[in-house]
C-alpha cells in the first residue's frame, strides 16, 4: 500500500517516514537502505568535516536515486561549511538540529532543498514556521542523543496546534502501534532513530547493537543538563563518571571533556568503558537485528495500525 499526505508529497517518499540522523551511525549505507525501502534515509553530518559529508552523499547517490536527507548539527564547528555544501549538492531534504538555522534557510530553499528543523518546544516550532521551514520534526525527550524536556505525548499535540505546517513526530516511535499513536496526536509523519541502529545495513559496531538489544526499561540516562545540551544514552562506566562530576565545580567543562570522541568510540569501536551509547527509551522494546526494509514494513503495517485504531474505537463504543 502506498501512503499519501503532505510529508510523502514533500519528501517524494512512499512512506511518511524519516530515518533519524544519528552521528557516526547514519551514513550512506543506512540512509540508502531506508530510502530504497520507501522512507527518507538520512545522513548525519554530526561533527564530521565537509569532505566526509560530501563523500557520504556521493556514495548514497551511487547506490540509489531515491530522495534522502542530510541532518546538520548546528553546534558543529563545521556547521557553516556543511550548510553551504548541502546547498551546493542540492540535497533533497535538509534537517537541522541543535541550533537556529535562520542564517541558512534562504540559501537552502533557493537551492531547491526542503527544510525541516528538529524542535523541542512550541516557541521554536513557531519561529521555524515564520522563517520558512517546510515542516518541523517535534522530538520528545524519550529520544536518544540530544533532547529537550517535554515528553512526546505533550510536545506533539502542542506543536500540531501551534503551527500550520506539517509536524513529524519523533521520540519513542519504534513499531506500528507508536506510529498509530503519533497519527492520533496529529502528526503527519514519523521520525525513527534507535530502531534503525539495529538495521543490518547500519555499520554501528556489534557491541552497540548488543547494548540496545539487552537494554532494560531503566537503562537509559540523561547527562549534561548543566551544559544546556542534555543527552540521553545507555548507562555505562562513562555515564556514571559524567553523573559523578556533573554538579562539581567546573562540571560542565568536565562533562564536555569526557564526551569528546565518546560517540565515535561507541559506534566505531564498541568501547564499553569510554563510549557514549546514545539510544532512546524504546531500546528496551527492541530485540533483533533485521534488514532496514523489514523495519520499514513493520512500522507501516497497515493491518496492525488499523487493528490498533479499531480496538481504541471499540473501547469507546463499549463505554470502556
C-alpha atoms as a PDB file:
ATOM      1  CA  UNK A   1       0.000   0.000   0.000  1.00  0.00           C
ATOM      2  CA  UNK A   2       1.221   3.487  -0.820  1.00  0.00           C
ATOM      3  CA  UNK A   3       0.705   6.257   1.702  1.00  0.00           C
ATOM      4  CA  UNK A   4      -0.269   9.774   0.696  1.00  0.00           C
ATOM      5  CA  UNK A   5      -0.263  13.028   2.586  1.00  0.00           C
ATOM      6  CA  UNK A   6       1.879  16.108   2.835  1.00  0.00           C
ATOM      7  CA  UNK A   7       5.089  14.510   4.098  1.00  0.00           C
ATOM      8  CA  UNK A   8       5.184  11.972   1.269  1.00  0.00           C
ATOM      9  CA  UNK A   9       4.487  14.786  -1.187  1.00  0.00           C
ATOM     10  CA  UNK A  10       7.257  16.976   0.243  1.00  0.00           C
ATOM     11  CA  UNK A  11       9.887  14.260   0.551  1.00  0.00           C
ATOM     12  CA  UNK A  12       8.772  12.256  -2.505  1.00  0.00           C
ATOM     13  CA  UNK A  13       8.805   9.034  -0.480  1.00  0.00           C
ATOM     14  CA  UNK A  14       6.431   6.081  -0.319  1.00  0.00           C
ATOM     15  CA  UNK A  15       6.038   6.326   3.460  1.00  0.00           C
ATOM     16  CA  UNK A  16       5.861   9.406   5.739  1.00  0.00           C
ATOM     17  CA  UNK A  17       8.983   8.148   7.492  1.00  0.00           C
ATOM     18  CA  UNK A  18      12.257   9.872   8.254  1.00  0.00           C
ATOM     19  CA  UNK A  19      15.234   7.891   9.497  1.00  0.00           C
ATOM     20  CA  UNK A  20      16.770   9.716  12.430  1.00  0.00           C
ATOM     21  CA  UNK A  21      20.077  11.489  11.852  1.00  0.00           C
ATOM     22  CA  UNK A  22      22.467   9.832  14.315  1.00  0.00           C
ATOM     23  CA  UNK A  23      26.090  10.972  14.210  1.00  0.00           C
ATOM     24  CA  UNK A  24      28.547   8.228  13.195  1.00  0.00           C
ATOM     25  CA  UNK A  25      25.556   5.880  12.750  1.00  0.00           C
ATOM     26  CA  UNK A  26      23.566   7.441   9.917  1.00  0.00           C
ATOM     27  CA  UNK A  27      25.919   7.051   6.977  1.00  0.00           C
ATOM     28  CA  UNK A  28      25.392   6.366   3.265  1.00  0.00           C
ATOM     29  CA  UNK A  29      24.875   2.648   3.843  1.00  0.00           C
ATOM     30  CA  UNK A  30      21.973   3.006   6.275  1.00  0.00           C
ATOM     31  CA  UNK A  31      20.443   6.028   4.560  1.00  0.00           C
ATOM     32  CA  UNK A  32      20.428   4.357   1.143  1.00  0.00           C
ATOM     33  CA  UNK A  33      18.787   1.236   2.578  1.00  0.00           C
ATOM     34  CA  UNK A  34      15.992   3.236   4.201  1.00  0.00           C
ATOM     35  CA  UNK A  35      15.437   5.354   1.090  1.00  0.00           C
ATOM     36  CA  UNK A  36      15.251   2.256  -1.107  1.00  0.00           C
ATOM     37  CA  UNK A  37      12.708   0.799   1.332  1.00  0.00           C
ATOM     38  CA  UNK A  38      10.419   3.777   0.790  1.00  0.00           C
ATOM     39  CA  UNK A  39      11.343   6.071   3.670  1.00  0.00           C
ATOM     40  CA  UNK A  40      13.630   9.086   3.758  1.00  0.00           C
ATOM     41  CA  UNK A  41      17.133   7.886   4.558  1.00  0.00           C
ATOM     42  CA  UNK A  42      19.248  10.500   6.312  1.00  0.00           C
ATOM     43  CA  UNK A  43      22.999  11.081   6.505  1.00  0.00           C
ATOM     44  CA  UNK A  44      24.036  12.698   9.787  1.00  0.00           C
ATOM     45  CA  UNK A  45      26.818  15.260   9.485  1.00  0.00           C
ATOM     46  CA  UNK A  46      27.360  15.458  13.248  1.00  0.00           C
ATOM     47  CA  UNK A  47      30.800  16.935  13.910  1.00  0.00           C
ATOM     48  CA  UNK A  48      32.242  15.473  10.713  1.00  0.00           C
ATOM     49  CA  UNK A  49      34.184  17.730   8.298  1.00  0.00           C
ATOM     50  CA  UNK A  50      32.655  18.708   4.933  1.00  0.00           C
ATOM     51  CA  UNK A  51      34.768  16.269   2.909  1.00  0.00           C
ATOM     52  CA  UNK A  52      33.359  13.307   4.868  1.00  0.00           C
ATOM     53  CA  UNK A  53      29.827  14.593   4.350  1.00  0.00           C
ATOM     54  CA  UNK A  54      30.374  15.080   0.624  1.00  0.00           C
ATOM     55  CA  UNK A  55      31.815  11.574   0.302  1.00  0.00           C
ATOM     56  CA  UNK A  56      28.779  10.087   2.038  1.00  0.00           C
ATOM     57  CA  UNK A  57      26.338  11.995  -0.166  1.00  0.00           C
ATOM     58  CA  UNK A  58      28.131  10.852  -3.309  1.00  0.00           C
ATOM     59  CA  UNK A  59      28.234   7.244  -2.045  1.00  0.00           C
ATOM     60  CA  UNK A  60      24.488   7.317  -1.381  1.00  0.00           C
ATOM     61  CA  UNK A  61      23.788   8.702  -4.840  1.00  0.00           C
ATOM     62  CA  UNK A  62      25.811   5.876  -6.341  1.00  0.00           C
ATOM     63  CA  UNK A  63      23.614   3.374  -4.509  1.00  0.00           C
ATOM     64  CA  UNK A  64      20.212   4.879  -5.312  1.00  0.00           C
ATOM     65  CA  UNK A  65      18.426   7.747  -6.994  1.00  0.00           C
ATOM     66  CA  UNK A  66      15.812   7.838  -4.232  1.00  0.00           C
ATOM     67  CA  UNK A  67      15.347  11.035  -2.162  1.00  0.00           C
ATOM     68  CA  UNK A  68      17.378  11.407   1.035  1.00  0.00           C
ATOM     69  CA  UNK A  69      18.108  13.922   3.748  1.00  0.00           C
ATOM     70  CA  UNK A  70      21.141  15.470   5.424  1.00  0.00           C
ATOM     71  CA  UNK A  71      20.997  16.189   9.155  1.00  0.00           C
ATOM     72  CA  UNK A  72      23.146  19.188  10.093  1.00  0.00           C
ATOM     73  CA  UNK A  73      24.030  19.708  13.760  1.00  0.00           C
ATOM     74  CA  UNK A  74      24.382  23.459  14.100  1.00  0.00           C
ATOM     75  CA  UNK A  75      26.641  23.126  17.162  1.00  0.00           C
ATOM     76  CA  UNK A  76      29.313  21.570  14.945  1.00  0.00           C
ATOM     77  CA  UNK A  77      32.446  23.628  14.233  1.00  0.00           C
ATOM     78  CA  UNK A  78      31.841  22.754  10.571  1.00  0.00           C
ATOM     79  CA  UNK A  79      28.158  23.756  10.561  1.00  0.00           C
ATOM     80  CA  UNK A  80      28.504  26.717   8.182  1.00  0.00           C
ATOM     81  CA  UNK A  81      30.649  24.784   5.715  1.00  0.00           C
ATOM     82  CA  UNK A  82      28.307  21.793   5.735  1.00  0.00           C
ATOM     83  CA  UNK A  83      25.278  24.076   5.392  1.00  0.00           C
ATOM     84  CA  UNK A  84      26.774  25.589   2.244  1.00  0.00           C
ATOM     85  CA  UNK A  85      27.733  22.146   0.966  1.00  0.00           C
ATOM     86  CA  UNK A  86      24.117  20.997   1.333  1.00  0.00           C
ATOM     87  CA  UNK A  87      23.045  23.793  -0.995  1.00  0.00           C
ATOM     88  CA  UNK A  88      25.855  23.116  -3.470  1.00  0.00           C
ATOM     89  CA  UNK A  89      24.970  19.410  -3.623  1.00  0.00           C
ATOM     90  CA  UNK A  90      21.250  20.223  -3.780  1.00  0.00           C
ATOM     91  CA  UNK A  91      20.435  17.790  -1.002  1.00  0.00           C
ATOM     92  CA  UNK A  92      16.692  16.982  -1.321  1.00  0.00           C
ATOM     93  CA  UNK A  93      15.877  17.481   2.373  1.00  0.00           C
ATOM     94  CA  UNK A  94      17.935  19.402   4.933  1.00  0.00           C
ATOM     95  CA  UNK A  95      17.207  18.630   8.576  1.00  0.00           C
ATOM     96  CA  UNK A  96      18.715  20.978  11.143  1.00  0.00           C
ATOM     97  CA  UNK A  97      19.163  20.469  14.855  1.00  0.00           C
ATOM     98  CA  UNK A  98      20.895  21.838  17.955  1.00  0.00           C
ATOM     99  CA  UNK A  99      20.645  25.468  16.909  1.00  0.00           C
ATOM    100  CA  UNK A 100      18.862  28.123  14.871  1.00  0.00           C
ATOM    101  CA  UNK A 101      19.140  27.632  11.080  1.00  0.00           C
ATOM    102  CA  UNK A 102      17.938  31.145  10.218  1.00  0.00           C
ATOM    103  CA  UNK A 103      21.241  32.050   8.523  1.00  0.00           C
ATOM    104  CA  UNK A 104      20.897  29.199   6.033  1.00  0.00           C
ATOM    105  CA  UNK A 105      17.208  28.649   5.279  1.00  0.00           C
ATOM    106  CA  UNK A 106      17.054  31.138   2.400  1.00  0.00           C
ATOM    107  CA  UNK A 107      20.149  29.571   0.802  1.00  0.00           C
ATOM    108  CA  UNK A 108      18.774  26.043   1.164  1.00  0.00           C
ATOM    109  CA  UNK A 109      15.385  26.930  -0.290  1.00  0.00           C
ATOM    110  CA  UNK A 110      16.975  28.774  -3.224  1.00  0.00           C
ATOM    111  CA  UNK A 111      18.890  25.546  -3.924  1.00  0.00           C
ATOM    112  CA  UNK A 112      15.605  23.632  -4.025  1.00  0.00           C
ATOM    113  CA  UNK A 113      16.024  21.903  -0.653  1.00  0.00           C
ATOM    114  CA  UNK A 114      13.094  21.034   1.587  1.00  0.00           C
ATOM    115  CA  UNK A 115      13.889  22.398   5.065  1.00  0.00           C
ATOM    116  CA  UNK A 116      12.859  20.561   8.241  1.00  0.00           C
ATOM    117  CA  UNK A 117      14.232  21.734  11.608  1.00  0.00           C
ATOM    118  CA  UNK A 118      14.075  19.480  14.682  1.00  0.00           C
ATOM    119  CA  UNK A 119      12.275  21.277  17.509  1.00  0.00           C
ATOM    120  CA  UNK A 120      11.662  20.501  21.169  1.00  0.00           C
ATOM    121  CA  UNK A 121       9.348  23.370  22.098  1.00  0.00           C
ATOM    122  CA  UNK A 122       6.350  25.295  20.829  1.00  0.00           C
ATOM    123  CA  UNK A 123       8.271  28.576  20.650  1.00  0.00           C
ATOM    124  CA  UNK A 124      10.955  27.108  18.410  1.00  0.00           C
ATOM    125  CA  UNK A 125       8.386  25.449  16.136  1.00  0.00           C
ATOM    126  CA  UNK A 126       6.534  28.748  15.661  1.00  0.00           C
ATOM    127  CA  UNK A 127       9.823  30.515  14.932  1.00  0.00           C
ATOM    128  CA  UNK A 128      10.823  27.898  12.362  1.00  0.00           C
ATOM    129  CA  UNK A 129       7.483  28.245  10.575  1.00  0.00           C
ATOM    130  CA  UNK A 130       7.960  32.009  10.453  1.00  0.00           C
ATOM    131  CA  UNK A 131      11.427  31.533   8.966  1.00  0.00           C
ATOM    132  CA  UNK A 132      10.082  29.406   6.116  1.00  0.00           C
ATOM    133  CA  UNK A 133      10.536  25.785   7.195  1.00  0.00           C
ATOM    134  CA  UNK A 134       8.542  23.293   5.116  1.00  0.00           C
ATOM    135  CA  UNK A 135       7.788  21.099   8.111  1.00  0.00           C
ATOM    136  CA  UNK A 136       9.112  20.557  11.626  1.00  0.00           C
ATOM    137  CA  UNK A 137      10.188  17.431  13.455  1.00  0.00           C
ATOM    138  CA  UNK A 138       8.864  17.533  17.018  1.00  0.00           C
ATOM    139  CA  UNK A 139      11.179  15.392  19.130  1.00  0.00           C
ATOM    140  CA  UNK A 140      10.085  14.326  22.601  1.00  0.00           C
ATOM    141  CA  UNK A 141      12.559  13.657  25.398  1.00  0.00           C
ATOM    142  CA  UNK A 142      12.161   9.874  25.044  1.00  0.00           C
ATOM    143  CA  UNK A 143      14.545  10.097  22.084  1.00  0.00           C
ATOM    144  CA  UNK A 144      18.232   9.230  22.180  1.00  0.00           C
ATOM    145  CA  UNK A 145      21.020  11.774  21.807  1.00  0.00           C
ATOM    146  CA  UNK A 146      20.394  15.485  22.361  1.00  0.00           C
ATOM    147  CA  UNK A 147      16.941  16.059  23.842  1.00  0.00           C
ATOM    148  CA  UNK A 148      14.584  18.693  25.185  1.00  0.00           C
ATOM    149  CA  UNK A 149      12.428  18.455  28.297  1.00  0.00           C
ATOM    150  CA  UNK A 150       8.891  17.742  27.061  1.00  0.00           C
ATOM    151  CA  UNK A 151       7.548  14.240  26.573  1.00  0.00           C
ATOM    152  CA  UNK A 152       6.177  13.241  23.182  1.00  0.00           C
ATOM    153  CA  UNK A 153       2.580  12.965  24.442  1.00  0.00           C
ATOM    154  CA  UNK A 154       2.667  16.664  25.358  1.00  0.00           C
ATOM    155  CA  UNK A 155       5.023  18.018  22.705  1.00  0.00           C
ATOM    156  CA  UNK A 156       3.435  16.536  19.571  1.00  0.00           C
ATOM    157  CA  UNK A 157      -0.133  17.855  20.033  1.00  0.00           C
ATOM    158  CA  UNK A 158       1.132  21.172  21.397  1.00  0.00           C
ATOM    159  CA  UNK A 159       3.157  21.818  18.261  1.00  0.00           C
ATOM    160  CA  UNK A 160       0.451  20.451  15.953  1.00  0.00           C
ATOM    161  CA  UNK A 161      -1.994  23.037  17.300  1.00  0.00           C
ATOM    162  CA  UNK A 162       0.595  25.835  17.204  1.00  0.00           C
ATOM    163  CA  UNK A 163       1.769  25.744  13.582  1.00  0.00           C
ATOM    164  CA  UNK A 164       0.101  25.361  10.193  1.00  0.00           C
ATOM    165  CA  UNK A 165       2.966  23.473   8.529  1.00  0.00           C
ATOM    166  CA  UNK A 166       3.110  19.649   8.846  1.00  0.00           C
ATOM    167  CA  UNK A 167       4.544  18.117  12.008  1.00  0.00           C
ATOM    168  CA  UNK A 168       6.619  14.929  12.038  1.00  0.00           C
ATOM    169  CA  UNK A 169       6.634  13.132  15.393  1.00  0.00           C
ATOM    170  CA  UNK A 170       9.868  11.810  16.912  1.00  0.00           C
ATOM    171  CA  UNK A 171      10.865  10.353  20.258  1.00  0.00           C
ATOM    172  CA  UNK A 172       9.688   6.907  21.335  1.00  0.00           C
ATOM    173  CA  UNK A 173       8.486   5.584  17.971  1.00  0.00           C
ATOM    174  CA  UNK A 174       9.540   2.025  17.184  1.00  0.00           C
ATOM    175  CA  UNK A 175       6.573  -0.003  15.841  1.00  0.00           C
ATOM    176  CA  UNK A 176       3.172   0.251  14.157  1.00  0.00           C
ATOM    177  CA  UNK A 177       1.445   0.943  17.492  1.00  0.00           C
ATOM    178  CA  UNK A 178       3.573   4.005  18.184  1.00  0.00           C
ATOM    179  CA  UNK A 179       3.197   5.163  14.577  1.00  0.00           C
ATOM    180  CA  UNK A 180      -0.572   4.979  15.081  1.00  0.00           C
ATOM    181  CA  UNK A 181      -0.263   6.975  18.315  1.00  0.00           C
ATOM    182  CA  UNK A 182       1.675   9.705  16.501  1.00  0.00           C
ATOM    183  CA  UNK A 183      -1.029   9.930  13.833  1.00  0.00           C
ATOM    184  CA  UNK A 184      -3.722  10.096  16.518  1.00  0.00           C
ATOM    185  CA  UNK A 185      -1.956  13.078  18.071  1.00  0.00           C
ATOM    186  CA  UNK A 186      -1.968  14.970  14.798  1.00  0.00           C
ATOM    187  CA  UNK A 187       1.417  14.159  13.279  1.00  0.00           C
ATOM    188  CA  UNK A 188       1.662  13.794   9.500  1.00  0.00           C
ATOM    189  CA  UNK A 189       4.722  11.559   9.651  1.00  0.00           C
ATOM    190  CA  UNK A 190       7.259   9.994  11.986  1.00  0.00           C
ATOM    191  CA  UNK A 191      10.993  10.003  12.561  1.00  0.00           C
ATOM    192  CA  UNK A 192      12.607   6.816  13.869  1.00  0.00           C
ATOM    193  CA  UNK A 193      16.178   6.630  15.128  1.00  0.00           C
ATOM    194  CA  UNK A 194      17.092   3.972  17.685  1.00  0.00           C
ATOM    195  CA  UNK A 195      15.407   1.084  15.904  1.00  0.00           C
ATOM    196  CA  UNK A 196      17.440   1.715  12.763  1.00  0.00           C
ATOM    197  CA  UNK A 197      20.667   1.170  14.705  1.00  0.00           C
ATOM    198  CA  UNK A 198      19.589  -2.481  14.583  1.00  0.00           C
ATOM    199  CA  UNK A 199      19.278  -2.481  10.800  1.00  0.00           C
ATOM    200  CA  UNK A 200      21.579  -4.941   9.048  1.00  0.00           C
ATOM    201  CA  UNK A 201      22.789  -2.112   6.829  1.00  0.00           C
ATOM    202  CA  UNK A 202      23.779   0.016   9.825  1.00  0.00           C
ATOM    203  CA  UNK A 203      27.558  -0.009  10.301  1.00  0.00           C
ATOM    204  CA  UNK A 204      27.457   0.585  14.052  1.00  0.00           C
ATOM    205  CA  UNK A 205      29.698  -1.818  15.999  1.00  0.00           C
ATOM    206  CA  UNK A 206      28.141  -5.132  17.034  1.00  0.00           C
ATOM    207  CA  UNK A 207      28.695  -4.179  20.686  1.00  0.00           C
ATOM    208  CA  UNK A 208      26.493  -1.116  20.203  1.00  0.00           C
ATOM    209  CA  UNK A 209      23.683  -3.223  18.755  1.00  0.00           C
ATOM    210  CA  UNK A 210      24.089  -5.755  21.552  1.00  0.00           C
ATOM    211  CA  UNK A 211      23.753  -2.995  24.158  1.00  0.00           C
ATOM    212  CA  UNK A 212      20.441  -1.922  22.641  1.00  0.00           C
ATOM    213  CA  UNK A 213      19.079  -5.457  22.404  1.00  0.00           C
ATOM    214  CA  UNK A 214      19.956  -6.113  26.065  1.00  0.00           C
ATOM    215  CA  UNK A 215      18.656  -2.760  27.340  1.00  0.00           C
ATOM    216  CA  UNK A 216      16.041  -2.726  30.090  1.00  0.00           C
ATOM    217  CA  UNK A 217      13.459  -0.035  30.732  1.00  0.00           C
ATOM    218  CA  UNK A 218      15.687   1.688  33.317  1.00  0.00           C
ATOM    219  CA  UNK A 219      18.860   1.582  31.270  1.00  0.00           C
ATOM    220  CA  UNK A 220      18.817   4.998  29.589  1.00  0.00           C
ATOM    221  CA  UNK A 221      20.118   8.005  31.478  1.00  0.00           C
ATOM    222  CA  UNK A 222      20.243  11.725  30.758  1.00  0.00           C
ATOM    223  CA  UNK A 223      23.527  13.521  31.337  1.00  0.00           C
ATOM    224  CA  UNK A 224      24.817  17.015  30.692  1.00  0.00           C
ATOM    225  CA  UNK A 225      21.826  19.067  31.807  1.00  0.00           C
ATOM    226  CA  UNK A 226      24.270  21.527  33.343  1.00  0.00           C
ATOM    227  CA  UNK A 227      25.763  22.156  29.899  1.00  0.00           C
ATOM    228  CA  UNK A 228      22.406  23.212  28.463  1.00  0.00           C
ATOM    229  CA  UNK A 229      22.542  20.352  25.958  1.00  0.00           C
ATOM    230  CA  UNK A 230      21.311  17.205  27.761  1.00  0.00           C
ATOM    231  CA  UNK A 231      21.893  13.846  26.113  1.00  0.00           C
ATOM    232  CA  UNK A 232      20.091  10.512  26.561  1.00  0.00           C
ATOM    233  CA  UNK A 233      22.284   7.413  26.384  1.00  0.00           C
ATOM    234  CA  UNK A 234      22.577   3.903  27.768  1.00  0.00           C
ATOM    235  CA  UNK A 235      24.202   3.660  31.175  1.00  0.00           C
ATOM    236  CA  UNK A 236      27.881   2.719  31.222  1.00  0.00           C
ATOM    237  CA  UNK A 237      31.079   3.467  33.144  1.00  0.00           C
ATOM    238  CA  UNK A 238      31.324   6.728  31.181  1.00  0.00           C
ATOM    239  CA  UNK A 239      27.786   7.730  32.154  1.00  0.00           C
ATOM    240  CA  UNK A 240      28.490   7.019  35.821  1.00  0.00           C
ATOM    241  CA  UNK A 241      31.553   9.263  35.669  1.00  0.00           C
ATOM    242  CA  UNK A 242      29.563  12.012  33.952  1.00  0.00           C
ATOM    243  CA  UNK A 243      26.893  11.810  36.640  1.00  0.00           C
ATOM    244  CA  UNK A 244      29.550  11.982  39.335  1.00  0.00           C
ATOM    245  CA  UNK A 245      31.185  15.171  38.060  1.00  0.00           C
ATOM    246  CA  UNK A 246      28.169  16.995  36.616  1.00  0.00           C
ATOM    247  CA  UNK A 247      27.467  19.159  39.644  1.00  0.00           C
ATOM    248  CA  UNK A 248      31.020  19.538  40.854  1.00  0.00           C
ATOM    249  CA  UNK A 249      32.786  22.839  40.332  1.00  0.00           C
ATOM    250  CA  UNK A 250      33.506  23.104  36.622  1.00  0.00           C
ATOM    251  CA  UNK A 251      31.075  20.247  35.943  1.00  0.00           C
ATOM    252  CA  UNK A 252      30.056  21.459  32.503  1.00  0.00           C
ATOM    253  CA  UNK A 253      33.659  21.566  31.319  1.00  0.00           C
ATOM    254  CA  UNK A 254      34.394  18.155  32.832  1.00  0.00           C
ATOM    255  CA  UNK A 255      31.418  16.600  31.034  1.00  0.00           C
ATOM    256  CA  UNK A 256      32.413  18.196  27.750  1.00  0.00           C
ATOM    257  CA  UNK A 257      35.902  16.748  28.159  1.00  0.00           C
ATOM    258  CA  UNK A 258      34.619  13.271  28.990  1.00  0.00           C
ATOM    259  CA  UNK A 259      32.300  13.390  25.988  1.00  0.00           C
ATOM    260  CA  UNK A 260      34.943  14.302  23.405  1.00  0.00           C
ATOM    261  CA  UNK A 261      35.139  11.495  20.858  1.00  0.00           C
ATOM    262  CA  UNK A 262      32.999   9.209  23.023  1.00  0.00           C
ATOM    263  CA  UNK A 263      30.262   8.630  20.440  1.00  0.00           C
ATOM    264  CA  UNK A 264      32.789   7.613  17.813  1.00  0.00           C
ATOM    265  CA  UNK A 265      34.377   5.225  20.330  1.00  0.00           C
ATOM    266  CA  UNK A 266      30.988   3.575  20.853  1.00  0.00           C
ATOM    267  CA  UNK A 267      29.827   3.424  17.240  1.00  0.00           C
ATOM    268  CA  UNK A 268      33.115   2.570  15.533  1.00  0.00           C
ATOM    269  CA  UNK A 269      34.983   0.616  18.197  1.00  0.00           C
ATOM    270  CA  UNK A 270      32.256  -0.617  20.545  1.00  0.00           C
ATOM    271  CA  UNK A 271      34.180   0.791  23.525  1.00  0.00           C
ATOM    272  CA  UNK A 272      32.101  -0.255  26.542  1.00  0.00           C
ATOM    273  CA  UNK A 273      34.160   1.774  29.022  1.00  0.00           C
ATOM    274  CA  UNK A 274      34.525   5.229  27.445  1.00  0.00           C
ATOM    275  CA  UNK A 275      31.960   5.122  24.624  1.00  0.00           C
ATOM    276  CA  UNK A 276      28.649   7.021  24.517  1.00  0.00           C
ATOM    277  CA  UNK A 277      25.950   4.552  23.521  1.00  0.00           C
ATOM    278  CA  UNK A 278      23.194   7.000  22.628  1.00  0.00           C
ATOM    279  CA  UNK A 279      19.736   5.411  22.448  1.00  0.00           C
ATOM    280  CA  UNK A 280      16.124   6.287  23.092  1.00  0.00           C
ATOM    281  CA  UNK A 281      13.975   4.842  25.858  1.00  0.00           C
ATOM    282  CA  UNK A 282      12.406   2.470  23.326  1.00  0.00           C
ATOM    283  CA  UNK A 283      15.654   0.461  23.320  1.00  0.00           C
ATOM    284  CA  UNK A 284      14.072  -1.813  25.934  1.00  0.00           C
ATOM    285  CA  UNK A 285      11.450  -2.820  23.355  1.00  0.00           C
ATOM    286  CA  UNK A 286      13.893  -3.863  20.638  1.00  0.00           C
ATOM    287  CA  UNK A 287      15.262  -7.377  20.397  1.00  0.00           C
ATOM    288  CA  UNK A 288      16.649  -8.165  16.950  1.00  0.00           C
ATOM    289  CA  UNK A 289      18.772  -7.060  14.022  1.00  0.00           C
ATOM    290  CA  UNK A 290      16.922  -7.133  10.692  1.00  0.00           C
ATOM    291  CA  UNK A 291      17.036  -5.555   7.218  1.00  0.00           C
ATOM    292  CA  UNK A 292      16.024  -1.905   7.025  1.00  0.00           C
ATOM    293  CA  UNK A 293      13.262  -2.809   4.571  1.00  0.00           C
ATOM    294  CA  UNK A 294      11.681  -5.149   7.137  1.00  0.00           C
ATOM    295  CA  UNK A 295      11.799  -2.410   9.776  1.00  0.00           C
ATOM    296  CA  UNK A 296      10.033  -0.004   7.429  1.00  0.00           C
ATOM    297  CA  UNK A 297       7.358  -2.567   6.555  1.00  0.00           C
ATOM    298  CA  UNK A 298       6.712  -3.340  10.217  1.00  0.00           C
ATOM    299  CA  UNK A 299       6.467   0.347  11.146  1.00  0.00           C
ATOM    300  CA  UNK A 300       3.829   0.857   8.451  1.00  0.00           C
ATOM    301  CA  UNK A 301       1.969  -2.422   8.822  1.00  0.00           C
ATOM    302  CA  UNK A 302      -1.429  -1.146   7.699  1.00  0.00           C
ATOM    303  CA  UNK A 303      -3.350  -4.079   9.173  1.00  0.00           C
ATOM    304  CA  UNK A 304      -1.680  -3.561  12.540  1.00  0.00           C
ATOM    305  CA  UNK A 305      -2.344   0.189  12.532  1.00  0.00           C
ATOM    306  CA  UNK A 306      -5.994  -0.398  11.610  1.00  0.00           C
ATOM    307  CA  UNK A 307      -6.282  -3.004  14.362  1.00  0.00           C
ATOM    308  CA  UNK A 308      -4.896  -0.610  16.973  1.00  0.00           C
ATOM    309  CA  UNK A 309      -7.256   2.176  15.929  1.00  0.00           C
ATOM    310  CA  UNK A 310     -10.235  -0.193  15.743  1.00  0.00           C
ATOM    311  CA  UNK A 311      -9.511  -1.530  19.227  1.00  0.00           C
ATOM    312  CA  UNK A 312      -9.445   2.017  20.599  1.00  0.00           C
ATOM    313  CA  UNK A 313     -12.718   2.845  18.845  1.00  0.00           C
ATOM    314  CA  UNK A 314     -14.238  -0.369  20.167  1.00  0.00           C
ATOM    315  CA  UNK A 315     -13.418   0.602  23.758  1.00  0.00           C
ATOM    316  CA  UNK A 316     -15.149   3.937  23.268  1.00  0.00           C
ATOM    317  CA  UNK A 317     -18.234   2.324  21.763  1.00  0.00           C
ATOM    318  CA  UNK A 318     -18.368  -0.139  24.659  1.00  0.00           C
ATOM    319  CA  UNK A 319     -18.077   2.680  27.167  1.00  0.00           C
ATOM    320  CA  UNK A 320     -14.585   1.419  28.161  1.00  0.00           C
END
